Amino acid sequence: VFQEFGTAECYFINGTEKVRFVMRYIYNRQQYLMFDSDVGHYVGFSPYGDVNAKRWNSDPAELEYRRAQVDTYCRHNYEIDAPFSVERR
């Protein structure tokens, strides 16, 4: 059985003052590719990940889309998620 999936994560520091978006690509429990909004581009962790990172990093539209995820995905959903995650102790 083979398994491939991606995860999108948002990290909030001091509310929405500092937000970090991370997209991870995993195959059989091994991370092979990652996008980090703090870095601003894709990073590969395997030969397959390196090939995809090079391809997606050469596409300005893809990079702009992922960099915008901080606002369109993370900050947009902060108001929905905050009562369940931030304010809960």
N, C-alpha and C. Protein backbone atom coordinates (compact mmCIF):
# COMPACT_ATOMS: atom_id res chain seq x y z
N VAL A 1 0.85 -1.17 0.00
CA VAL A 1 0.00 0.00 0.00
C VAL A 1 0.89 1.23 0.00
N PHE A 2 0.62 2.13 -0.93
CA PHE A 2 1.36 3.38 -1.01
C PHE A 2 0.45 4.52 -0.60
N GLN A 3 1.03 5.50 0.04
CA GLN A 3 0.23 6.63 0.51
C GLN A 3 0.96 7.93 0.18
N GLU A 4 0.23 8.86 -0.44
CA GLU A 4 0.77 10.18 -0.72
C GLU A 4 -0.25 11.22 -0.28
N PHE A 5 0.22 12.24 0.40
CA PHE A 5 -0.68 13.30 0.81
C PHE A 5 0.10 14.58 1.07
N GLY A 6 -0.63 15.65 1.16
CA GLY A 6 -0.05 16.96 1.46
C GLY A 6 -0.76 17.57 2.64
N THR A 7 -0.04 18.35 3.42
CA THR A 7 -0.64 19.04 4.55
C THR A 7 -0.36 20.53 4.43
N ALA A 8 -1.33 21.31 4.80
CA ALA A 8 -1.18 22.77 4.85
C ALA A 8 -1.29 23.18 6.30
N GLU A 9 -0.32 23.93 6.78
CA GLU A 9 -0.28 24.33 8.18
C GLU A 9 -0.08 25.83 8.28
N CYS A 10 -0.72 26.42 9.27
CA CYS A 10 -0.55 27.84 9.56
C CYS A 10 -0.02 27.98 10.98
N TYR A 11 0.99 28.80 11.13
CA TYR A 11 1.55 29.09 12.44
C TYR A 11 1.33 30.57 12.73
N PHE A 12 0.67 30.85 13.86
CA PHE A 12 0.35 32.23 14.24
C PHE A 12 1.17 32.62 15.46
N ILE A 13 1.82 33.76 15.37
CA ILE A 13 2.57 34.31 16.48
C ILE A 13 1.99 35.67 16.80
N ASN A 14 1.48 35.81 18.02
CA ASN A 14 0.87 37.06 18.46
C ASN A 14 -0.33 37.41 17.56
N GLY A 15 -1.29 36.50 17.51
CA GLY A 15 -2.46 36.71 16.65
C GLY A 15 -2.07 36.60 15.19
N THR A 16 -2.46 37.57 14.40
CA THR A 16 -2.12 37.55 12.98
C THR A 16 -0.96 38.50 12.67
N GLU A 17 -0.24 38.91 13.70
CA GLU A 17 0.90 39.81 13.47
C GLU A 17 2.00 39.13 12.66
N LYS A 18 2.34 37.90 13.03
CA LYS A 18 3.35 37.12 12.32
C LYS A 18 2.72 35.79 11.96
N VAL A 19 2.55 35.53 10.67
CA VAL A 19 1.91 34.30 10.21
C VAL A 19 2.86 33.58 9.26
N ARG A 20 2.92 32.26 9.43
CA ARG A 20 3.78 31.43 8.59
C ARG A 20 2.92 30.32 7.98
N PHE A 21 3.02 30.14 6.68
CA PHE A 21 2.30 29.09 5.96
C PHE A 21 3.30 28.03 5.52
N VAL A 22 3.00 26.76 5.81
CA VAL A 22 3.88 25.65 5.43
C VAL A 22 3.04 24.59 4.74
N MET A 23 3.46 24.19 3.55
CA MET A 23 2.81 23.11 2.78
C MET A 23 3.82 21.98 2.68
N ARG A 24 3.44 20.80 3.16
CA ARG A 24 4.32 19.63 3.15
C ARG A 24 3.75 18.55 2.23
N TYR A 25 4.62 17.91 1.46
CA TYR A 25 4.24 16.81 0.59
C TYR A 25 4.94 15.55 1.09
N ILE A 26 4.16 14.50 1.35
CA ILE A 26 4.67 13.30 2.00
C ILE A 26 4.29 12.07 1.19
N TYR A 27 5.24 11.16 1.04
CA TYR A 27 5.00 9.89 0.36
C TYR A 27 5.53 8.77 1.25
N ASN A 28 4.66 7.85 1.63
CA ASN A 28 5.03 6.73 2.51
C ASN A 28 5.77 7.20 3.77
N ARG A 29 5.21 8.18 4.43
CA ARG A 29 5.72 8.73 5.69
C ARG A 29 7.06 9.44 5.57
N GLN A 30 7.48 9.75 4.35
CA GLN A 30 8.72 10.49 4.12
C GLN A 30 8.39 11.81 3.44
N GLN A 31 8.76 12.89 4.07
CA GLN A 31 8.55 14.21 3.46
C GLN A 31 9.54 14.39 2.32
N TYR A 32 9.02 14.69 1.13
CA TYR A 32 9.91 14.85 -0.01
C TYR A 32 9.94 16.27 -0.56
N LEU A 33 8.98 17.11 -0.16
CA LEU A 33 8.92 18.47 -0.68
C LEU A 33 8.20 19.36 0.33
N MET A 34 8.63 20.61 0.41
CA MET A 34 8.00 21.54 1.35
C MET A 34 8.06 22.96 0.80
N PHE A 35 6.97 23.70 1.02
CA PHE A 35 6.96 25.14 0.77
C PHE A 35 6.80 25.83 2.11
N ASP A 36 7.65 26.80 2.39
CA ASP A 36 7.59 27.58 3.62
C ASP A 36 7.53 29.04 3.23
N SER A 37 6.50 29.76 3.70
CA SER A 37 6.35 31.16 3.32
C SER A 37 7.48 32.02 3.85
N ASP A 38 8.12 31.61 4.95
CA ASP A 38 9.28 32.37 5.45
C ASP A 38 10.47 32.24 4.50
N VAL A 39 10.63 31.08 3.88
CA VAL A 39 11.71 30.87 2.91
C VAL A 39 11.31 31.47 1.56
N GLY A 40 10.04 31.27 1.16
CA GLY A 40 9.53 31.87 -0.07
C GLY A 40 9.63 31.02 -1.31
N HIS A 41 10.11 29.77 -1.17
CA HIS A 41 10.18 28.87 -2.31
C HIS A 41 10.13 27.42 -1.83
N TYR A 42 10.01 26.51 -2.79
CA TYR A 42 9.95 25.08 -2.49
C TYR A 42 11.35 24.54 -2.19
N VAL A 43 11.39 23.57 -1.28
CA VAL A 43 12.64 22.90 -0.93
C VAL A 43 12.40 21.40 -1.05
N GLY A 44 13.28 20.71 -1.78
CA GLY A 44 13.16 19.27 -1.95
C GLY A 44 14.02 18.53 -0.94
N PHE A 45 13.55 17.36 -0.50
CA PHE A 45 14.28 16.54 0.46
C PHE A 45 14.64 15.17 -0.09
N SER A 46 14.39 14.95 -1.37
CA SER A 46 14.73 13.70 -2.03
C SER A 46 14.97 14.04 -3.51
N PRO A 47 15.50 13.09 -4.28
CA PRO A 47 15.67 13.37 -5.71
C PRO A 47 14.36 13.75 -6.39
N TYR A 48 13.28 13.05 -6.07
CA TYR A 48 11.96 13.38 -6.65
C TYR A 48 11.50 14.76 -6.18
N GLY A 49 11.72 15.08 -4.90
CA GLY A 49 11.37 16.39 -4.37
C GLY A 49 12.18 17.50 -5.00
N ASP A 50 13.47 17.24 -5.25
CA ASP A 50 14.32 18.25 -5.89
C ASP A 50 13.84 18.59 -7.30
N VAL A 51 13.42 17.57 -8.04
CA VAL A 51 12.92 17.79 -9.40
C VAL A 51 11.67 18.66 -9.37
N ASN A 52 10.74 18.32 -8.47
CA ASN A 52 9.51 19.10 -8.36
C ASN A 52 9.77 20.51 -7.83
N ALA A 53 10.68 20.64 -6.88
CA ALA A 53 11.01 21.97 -6.35
C ALA A 53 11.58 22.85 -7.46
N LYS A 54 12.46 22.30 -8.26
CA LYS A 54 13.05 23.07 -9.36
C LYS A 54 11.98 23.50 -10.36
N ARG A 55 11.06 22.58 -10.68
CA ARG A 55 9.99 22.88 -11.64
C ARG A 55 9.05 23.96 -11.10
N TRP A 56 8.61 23.81 -9.84
CA TRP A 56 7.67 24.78 -9.28
C TRP A 56 8.33 26.11 -8.93
N ASN A 57 9.60 26.09 -8.58
CA ASN A 57 10.31 27.35 -8.30
C ASN A 57 10.55 28.16 -9.57
N SER A 58 10.54 27.50 -10.72
CA SER A 58 10.74 28.22 -11.98
C SER A 58 9.44 28.82 -12.51
N ASP A 59 8.32 28.55 -11.85
CA ASP A 59 7.01 29.06 -12.27
C ASP A 59 6.62 30.23 -11.35
N PRO A 60 6.71 31.48 -11.82
CA PRO A 60 6.40 32.63 -10.97
C PRO A 60 4.95 32.65 -10.49
N ALA A 61 4.03 32.15 -11.28
CA ALA A 61 2.62 32.13 -10.87
C ALA A 61 2.41 31.18 -9.70
N GLU A 62 3.06 30.03 -9.72
CA GLU A 62 2.96 29.07 -8.61
C GLU A 62 3.53 29.65 -7.32
N LEU A 63 4.69 30.28 -7.42
CA LEU A 63 5.30 30.88 -6.23
C LEU A 63 4.44 32.01 -5.67
N GLU A 64 3.89 32.83 -6.53
CA GLU A 64 3.03 33.93 -6.08
C GLU A 64 1.77 33.38 -5.41
N TYR A 65 1.21 32.31 -5.96
CA TYR A 65 0.03 31.68 -5.37
C TYR A 65 0.34 31.16 -3.97
N ARG A 66 1.45 30.45 -3.81
CA ARG A 66 1.80 29.89 -2.50
C ARG A 66 2.15 30.99 -1.50
N ARG A 67 2.83 32.02 -1.94
CA ARG A 67 3.16 33.12 -1.02
C ARG A 67 1.91 33.84 -0.56
N ALA A 68 0.89 33.90 -1.40
CA ALA A 68 -0.36 34.57 -1.05
C ALA A 68 -1.20 33.74 -0.09
N GLN A 69 -0.88 32.47 0.08
CA GLN A 69 -1.64 31.61 0.98
C GLN A 69 -1.61 32.10 2.42
N VAL A 70 -0.60 32.86 2.79
CA VAL A 70 -0.55 33.45 4.14
C VAL A 70 -1.81 34.29 4.37
N ASP A 71 -2.21 35.06 3.38
CA ASP A 71 -3.40 35.91 3.53
C ASP A 71 -4.68 35.16 3.18
N THR A 72 -4.69 34.46 2.05
CA THR A 72 -5.93 33.85 1.57
C THR A 72 -6.33 32.60 2.34
N TYR A 73 -5.38 31.89 2.90
CA TYR A 73 -5.68 30.66 3.62
C TYR A 73 -5.58 30.86 5.14
N CYS A 74 -4.46 31.37 5.61
CA CYS A 74 -4.22 31.47 7.05
C CYS A 74 -4.99 32.62 7.69
N ARG A 75 -4.71 33.83 7.28
CA ARG A 75 -5.36 34.97 7.91
C ARG A 75 -6.87 34.97 7.67
N HIS A 76 -7.29 34.49 6.51
CA HIS A 76 -8.71 34.43 6.18
C HIS A 76 -9.46 33.51 7.14
N ASN A 77 -8.85 32.40 7.51
CA ASN A 77 -9.50 31.42 8.38
C ASN A 77 -9.19 31.60 9.86
N TYR A 78 -8.40 32.60 10.21
CA TYR A 78 -8.02 32.81 11.61
C TYR A 78 -9.25 33.05 12.49
N GLU A 79 -10.18 33.85 12.03
CA GLU A 79 -11.37 34.16 12.83
C GLU A 79 -12.21 32.91 13.09
N ILE A 80 -12.19 31.97 12.16
CA ILE A 80 -12.96 30.73 12.32
C ILE A 80 -12.25 29.78 13.29
N ASP A 81 -10.93 29.68 13.17
CA ASP A 81 -10.16 28.72 13.96
C ASP A 81 -9.82 29.21 15.36
N ALA A 82 -9.72 30.51 15.56
CA ALA A 82 -9.23 31.06 16.83
C ALA A 82 -10.02 30.57 18.06
N PRO A 83 -11.35 30.55 18.04
CA PRO A 83 -12.05 30.09 19.24
C PRO A 83 -11.74 28.64 19.63
N PHE A 84 -11.37 27.81 18.66
CA PHE A 84 -11.10 26.40 18.93
C PHE A 84 -9.64 26.11 19.24
N SER A 85 -8.76 26.99 18.82
CA SER A 85 -7.34 26.69 19.00
C SER A 85 -6.61 27.71 19.88
N VAL A 86 -6.75 28.99 19.59
CA VAL A 86 -5.99 30.01 20.28
C VAL A 86 -6.57 30.32 21.66
N GLU A 87 -7.87 30.50 21.72
CA GLU A 87 -8.51 30.93 22.96
C GLU A 87 -8.79 29.78 23.91
N ARG A 88 -8.56 28.57 23.48
CA ARG A 88 -8.83 27.40 24.30
C ARG A 88 -7.60 27.06 25.13
N ARG A 89 -7.75 26.89 26.39
CA ARG A 89 -6.62 26.58 27.28
C ARG A 89 -6.89 25.33 28.07
